[in-house]
């Protein structure tokens, strides 16, 4: 979302904050999953709060020792982009 907002009315920050506010509510009720992991990472990209990155890492670490779904792999790649550890998580976490 942060990459697609156009600031034609000068309300870009307001729109971002609105999405973040909704995200905080959803994150509280989402179970650990690839969806939650990706939402954590998208929020991290806006606010750079390390606890969001850490929670995403904990979710990814819980996937150790098994094949990842496409959605999980996408979350791992996004985590690598934001954390600088793109080489740390192969297709099967924990290899």
N, C-alpha and C. Protein backbone atom coordinates (compact mmCIF):
# COMPACT_ATOMS: atom_id res chain seq x y z
N UNK A 1 0.83 -1.19 0.00
CA UNK A 1 0.00 0.00 0.00
C UNK A 1 0.87 1.25 0.00
N UNK A 2 1.91 1.27 0.78
CA UNK A 2 2.74 2.47 0.89
C UNK A 2 3.39 2.87 -0.43
N UNK A 3 3.52 1.93 -1.34
CA UNK A 3 4.16 2.24 -2.62
C UNK A 3 3.17 2.73 -3.67
N UNK A 4 1.89 2.65 -3.40
CA UNK A 4 0.91 2.97 -4.43
C UNK A 4 0.06 4.20 -4.14
N UNK A 5 0.28 4.84 -3.02
CA UNK A 5 -0.53 6.02 -2.68
C UNK A 5 0.02 7.23 -3.42
N UNK A 6 -0.90 7.97 -4.02
CA UNK A 6 -0.52 9.22 -4.67
C UNK A 6 -0.95 10.36 -3.77
N UNK A 7 -0.08 11.31 -3.59
CA UNK A 7 -0.32 12.41 -2.66
C UNK A 7 -0.93 13.61 -3.37
N UNK A 8 -1.95 13.39 -4.19
CA UNK A 8 -2.54 14.48 -4.97
C UNK A 8 -3.31 15.46 -4.09
N UNK A 9 -3.80 15.00 -2.95
CA UNK A 9 -4.57 15.88 -2.06
C UNK A 9 -3.79 16.25 -0.81
N UNK A 10 -2.55 15.83 -0.72
CA UNK A 10 -1.75 16.13 0.46
C UNK A 10 -2.13 15.32 1.68
N UNK A 11 -2.80 14.18 1.48
CA UNK A 11 -3.25 13.38 2.62
C UNK A 11 -2.61 12.00 2.68
N UNK A 12 -1.47 11.85 2.07
CA UNK A 12 -0.80 10.55 2.02
C UNK A 12 -0.52 10.02 3.43
N UNK A 13 0.02 10.84 4.29
CA UNK A 13 0.35 10.39 5.65
C UNK A 13 -0.91 9.99 6.41
N UNK A 14 -1.98 10.72 6.20
CA UNK A 14 -3.26 10.39 6.84
C UNK A 14 -3.76 9.03 6.37
N UNK A 15 -3.64 8.76 5.09
CA UNK A 15 -4.07 7.46 4.55
C UNK A 15 -3.20 6.33 5.10
N UNK A 16 -1.91 6.56 5.15
CA UNK A 16 -1.01 5.54 5.70
C UNK A 16 -1.36 5.27 7.15
N UNK A 17 -1.59 6.32 7.93
CA UNK A 17 -1.92 6.15 9.35
C UNK A 17 -3.23 5.40 9.51
N UNK A 18 -4.18 5.65 8.65
CA UNK A 18 -5.46 4.95 8.70
C UNK A 18 -5.26 3.45 8.48
N UNK A 19 -4.45 3.10 7.50
CA UNK A 19 -4.16 1.69 7.24
C UNK A 19 -3.41 1.07 8.41
N UNK A 20 -2.45 1.78 8.97
CA UNK A 20 -1.72 1.27 10.13
C UNK A 20 -2.65 1.05 11.31
N UNK A 21 -3.55 1.98 11.56
CA UNK A 21 -4.50 1.83 12.67
C UNK A 21 -5.35 0.58 12.51
N UNK A 22 -5.80 0.31 11.31
CA UNK A 22 -6.57 -0.92 11.05
C UNK A 22 -5.69 -2.15 11.24
N UNK A 23 -4.45 -2.04 10.80
CA UNK A 23 -3.52 -3.17 10.91
C UNK A 23 -3.27 -3.54 12.35
N UNK A 24 -3.10 -2.55 13.24
CA UNK A 24 -2.83 -2.84 14.65
C UNK A 24 -3.99 -3.65 15.24
N UNK A 25 -5.22 -3.31 14.87
CA UNK A 25 -6.39 -4.04 15.38
C UNK A 25 -6.41 -5.48 14.87
N UNK A 26 -6.10 -5.66 13.61
CA UNK A 26 -6.11 -7.00 13.01
C UNK A 26 -4.97 -7.85 13.55
N UNK A 27 -3.80 -7.26 13.72
CA UNK A 27 -2.65 -8.03 14.20
C UNK A 27 -2.91 -8.65 15.56
N UNK A 28 -3.69 -7.97 16.39
CA UNK A 28 -3.98 -8.48 17.73
C UNK A 28 -4.80 -9.77 17.71
N UNK A 29 -5.55 -10.01 16.65
CA UNK A 29 -6.42 -11.18 16.62
C UNK A 29 -5.98 -12.25 15.62
N UNK A 30 -5.05 -11.94 14.75
CA UNK A 30 -4.58 -12.92 13.77
C UNK A 30 -3.71 -13.99 14.44
N UNK A 31 -3.93 -15.25 14.09
CA UNK A 31 -3.02 -16.28 14.58
C UNK A 31 -1.69 -16.19 13.83
N UNK A 32 -0.66 -16.80 14.38
CA UNK A 32 0.63 -16.83 13.69
C UNK A 32 0.45 -17.52 12.35
N UNK A 33 0.78 -16.82 11.29
CA UNK A 33 0.58 -17.34 9.93
C UNK A 33 1.40 -16.51 8.96
N UNK A 34 1.42 -16.95 7.72
CA UNK A 34 2.11 -16.18 6.68
C UNK A 34 1.44 -14.82 6.49
N UNK A 35 0.13 -14.78 6.60
CA UNK A 35 -0.60 -13.51 6.45
C UNK A 35 -0.19 -12.54 7.54
N UNK A 36 -0.16 -13.01 8.78
CA UNK A 36 0.24 -12.14 9.89
C UNK A 36 1.68 -11.69 9.71
N UNK A 37 2.53 -12.60 9.29
CA UNK A 37 3.94 -12.28 9.08
C UNK A 37 4.10 -11.18 8.05
N UNK A 38 3.40 -11.29 6.94
CA UNK A 38 3.50 -10.28 5.88
C UNK A 38 2.93 -8.94 6.34
N UNK A 39 1.84 -8.96 7.10
CA UNK A 39 1.28 -7.72 7.61
C UNK A 39 2.24 -7.06 8.59
N UNK A 40 2.87 -7.84 9.44
CA UNK A 40 3.89 -7.30 10.35
C UNK A 40 5.01 -6.62 9.56
N UNK A 41 5.44 -7.27 8.50
CA UNK A 41 6.54 -6.73 7.70
C UNK A 41 6.13 -5.47 6.94
N UNK A 42 4.90 -5.43 6.46
CA UNK A 42 4.42 -4.22 5.78
C UNK A 42 4.32 -3.06 6.76
N UNK A 43 3.87 -3.33 7.96
CA UNK A 43 3.82 -2.28 8.99
C UNK A 43 5.24 -1.83 9.35
N UNK A 44 6.15 -2.79 9.47
CA UNK A 44 7.54 -2.46 9.76
C UNK A 44 8.11 -1.51 8.71
N UNK A 45 7.75 -1.71 7.46
CA UNK A 45 8.26 -0.87 6.37
C UNK A 45 7.81 0.58 6.51
N UNK A 46 6.75 0.81 7.26
CA UNK A 46 6.26 2.17 7.47
C UNK A 46 6.80 2.81 8.74
N UNK A 47 6.93 2.02 9.81
CA UNK A 47 7.26 2.61 11.12
C UNK A 47 8.63 2.21 11.66
N UNK A 48 9.25 1.19 11.09
CA UNK A 48 10.58 0.71 11.49
C UNK A 48 10.69 0.40 12.98
N UNK A 49 9.65 -0.24 13.53
CA UNK A 49 9.69 -0.69 14.91
C UNK A 49 10.24 -2.11 14.92
N UNK A 50 11.37 -2.29 15.58
CA UNK A 50 12.07 -3.57 15.56
C UNK A 50 11.24 -4.72 16.11
N UNK A 51 10.31 -4.43 17.04
CA UNK A 51 9.51 -5.52 17.60
C UNK A 51 8.62 -6.16 16.54
N UNK A 52 8.23 -5.41 15.52
CA UNK A 52 7.45 -5.97 14.42
C UNK A 52 8.30 -6.95 13.61
N UNK A 53 9.53 -6.57 13.36
CA UNK A 53 10.46 -7.43 12.63
C UNK A 53 10.76 -8.69 13.44
N UNK A 54 10.91 -8.52 14.75
CA UNK A 54 11.20 -9.66 15.63
C UNK A 54 10.03 -10.65 15.66
N UNK A 55 8.81 -10.12 15.73
CA UNK A 55 7.65 -11.02 15.75
C UNK A 55 7.52 -11.78 14.43
N UNK A 56 7.81 -11.10 13.32
CA UNK A 56 7.80 -11.78 12.02
C UNK A 56 8.84 -12.89 12.00
N UNK A 57 10.02 -12.62 12.55
CA UNK A 57 11.09 -13.63 12.59
C UNK A 57 10.66 -14.84 13.43
N UNK A 58 9.99 -14.59 14.54
CA UNK A 58 9.52 -15.69 15.38
C UNK A 58 8.53 -16.58 14.63
N UNK A 59 7.66 -15.95 13.85
CA UNK A 59 6.71 -16.74 13.05
C UNK A 59 7.47 -17.58 12.03
N UNK A 60 8.41 -16.95 11.34
CA UNK A 60 9.21 -17.67 10.33
C UNK A 60 9.99 -18.81 10.98
N UNK A 61 10.57 -18.56 12.13
CA UNK A 61 11.33 -19.60 12.83
C UNK A 61 10.44 -20.79 13.21
N UNK A 62 9.16 -20.54 13.43
CA UNK A 62 8.25 -21.64 13.79
C UNK A 62 8.00 -22.59 12.62
N UNK A 63 8.40 -22.19 11.43
CA UNK A 63 8.21 -23.02 10.24
C UNK A 63 9.40 -23.95 9.99
N UNK A 64 10.35 -24.01 10.89
CA UNK A 64 11.57 -24.80 10.70
C UNK A 64 11.28 -26.26 10.41
N UNK A 65 12.12 -26.81 9.52
CA UNK A 65 12.12 -28.24 9.29
C UNK A 65 11.05 -28.77 8.36
N UNK A 66 10.38 -27.91 7.64
CA UNK A 66 9.36 -28.39 6.70
C UNK A 66 9.36 -27.54 5.45
N UNK A 67 8.76 -28.09 4.41
CA UNK A 67 8.63 -27.33 3.16
C UNK A 67 7.72 -26.14 3.39
N UNK A 68 8.06 -25.02 2.76
CA UNK A 68 7.25 -23.82 2.91
C UNK A 68 6.25 -23.70 1.76
N UNK A 69 5.09 -23.19 2.08
CA UNK A 69 4.11 -22.89 1.03
C UNK A 69 4.61 -21.66 0.26
N UNK A 70 3.99 -21.39 -0.87
CA UNK A 70 4.38 -20.20 -1.64
C UNK A 70 4.19 -18.94 -0.81
N UNK A 71 3.11 -18.88 -0.07
CA UNK A 71 2.82 -17.72 0.77
C UNK A 71 3.88 -17.55 1.86
N UNK A 72 4.28 -18.65 2.47
CA UNK A 72 5.32 -18.60 3.50
C UNK A 72 6.66 -18.19 2.89
N UNK A 73 6.97 -18.73 1.72
CA UNK A 73 8.22 -18.37 1.04
C UNK A 73 8.24 -16.88 0.71
N UNK A 74 7.11 -16.34 0.28
CA UNK A 74 7.02 -14.90 -0.01
C UNK A 74 7.26 -14.08 1.25
N UNK A 75 6.75 -14.55 2.38
CA UNK A 75 6.98 -13.86 3.65
C UNK A 75 8.45 -13.91 4.04
N UNK A 76 9.08 -15.06 3.84
CA UNK A 76 10.51 -15.20 4.13
C UNK A 76 11.33 -14.24 3.27
N UNK A 77 10.99 -14.15 2.00
CA UNK A 77 11.72 -13.24 1.10
C UNK A 77 11.52 -11.79 1.51
N UNK A 78 10.31 -11.43 1.90
CA UNK A 78 10.05 -10.06 2.35
C UNK A 78 10.82 -9.77 3.62
N UNK A 79 10.86 -10.75 4.54
CA UNK A 79 11.66 -10.59 5.76
C UNK A 79 13.12 -10.35 5.40
N UNK A 80 13.64 -11.12 4.47
CA UNK A 80 15.03 -10.95 4.04
C UNK A 80 15.28 -9.57 3.48
N UNK A 81 14.33 -9.05 2.72
CA UNK A 81 14.47 -7.71 2.16
C UNK A 81 14.59 -6.66 3.26
N UNK A 82 13.77 -6.79 4.29
CA UNK A 82 13.74 -5.77 5.35
C UNK A 82 14.82 -5.97 6.40
N UNK A 83 15.22 -7.21 6.62
CA UNK A 83 16.18 -7.47 7.70
C UNK A 83 17.62 -7.52 7.23
N UNK A 84 17.82 -7.66 5.92
CA UNK A 84 19.17 -7.81 5.41
C UNK A 84 19.70 -9.22 5.54
N UNK A 85 18.82 -10.18 5.85
CA UNK A 85 19.21 -11.58 6.01
C UNK A 85 18.59 -12.46 4.94
N UNK A 86 18.65 -12.02 3.71
CA UNK A 86 17.99 -12.77 2.64
C UNK A 86 18.61 -14.14 2.40
N UNK A 87 19.84 -14.35 2.79
CA UNK A 87 20.49 -15.65 2.60
C UNK A 87 20.24 -16.61 3.76
N UNK A 88 19.62 -16.13 4.83
CA UNK A 88 19.49 -16.91 6.05
C UNK A 88 18.40 -17.97 6.01
N UNK A 89 17.42 -17.81 5.14
CA UNK A 89 16.27 -18.70 5.15
C UNK A 89 16.07 -19.34 3.79
N UNK A 90 16.54 -20.57 3.62
CA UNK A 90 16.32 -21.28 2.36
C UNK A 90 14.86 -21.72 2.25
N UNK A 91 14.52 -22.44 1.17
CA UNK A 91 13.15 -22.88 0.95
C UNK A 91 12.61 -23.70 2.11
N UNK A 92 13.46 -24.49 2.69
CA UNK A 92 13.06 -25.24 3.88
C UNK A 92 13.77 -24.57 5.04
N UNK A 93 13.03 -23.91 5.89
CA UNK A 93 13.63 -23.17 7.00
C UNK A 93 14.38 -24.15 7.89
N UNK A 94 15.58 -23.76 8.30
CA UNK A 94 16.37 -24.57 9.20
C UNK A 94 17.31 -25.54 8.52
N UNK A 95 17.44 -25.48 7.22
CA UNK A 95 18.37 -26.39 6.53
C UNK A 95 19.80 -26.02 6.84
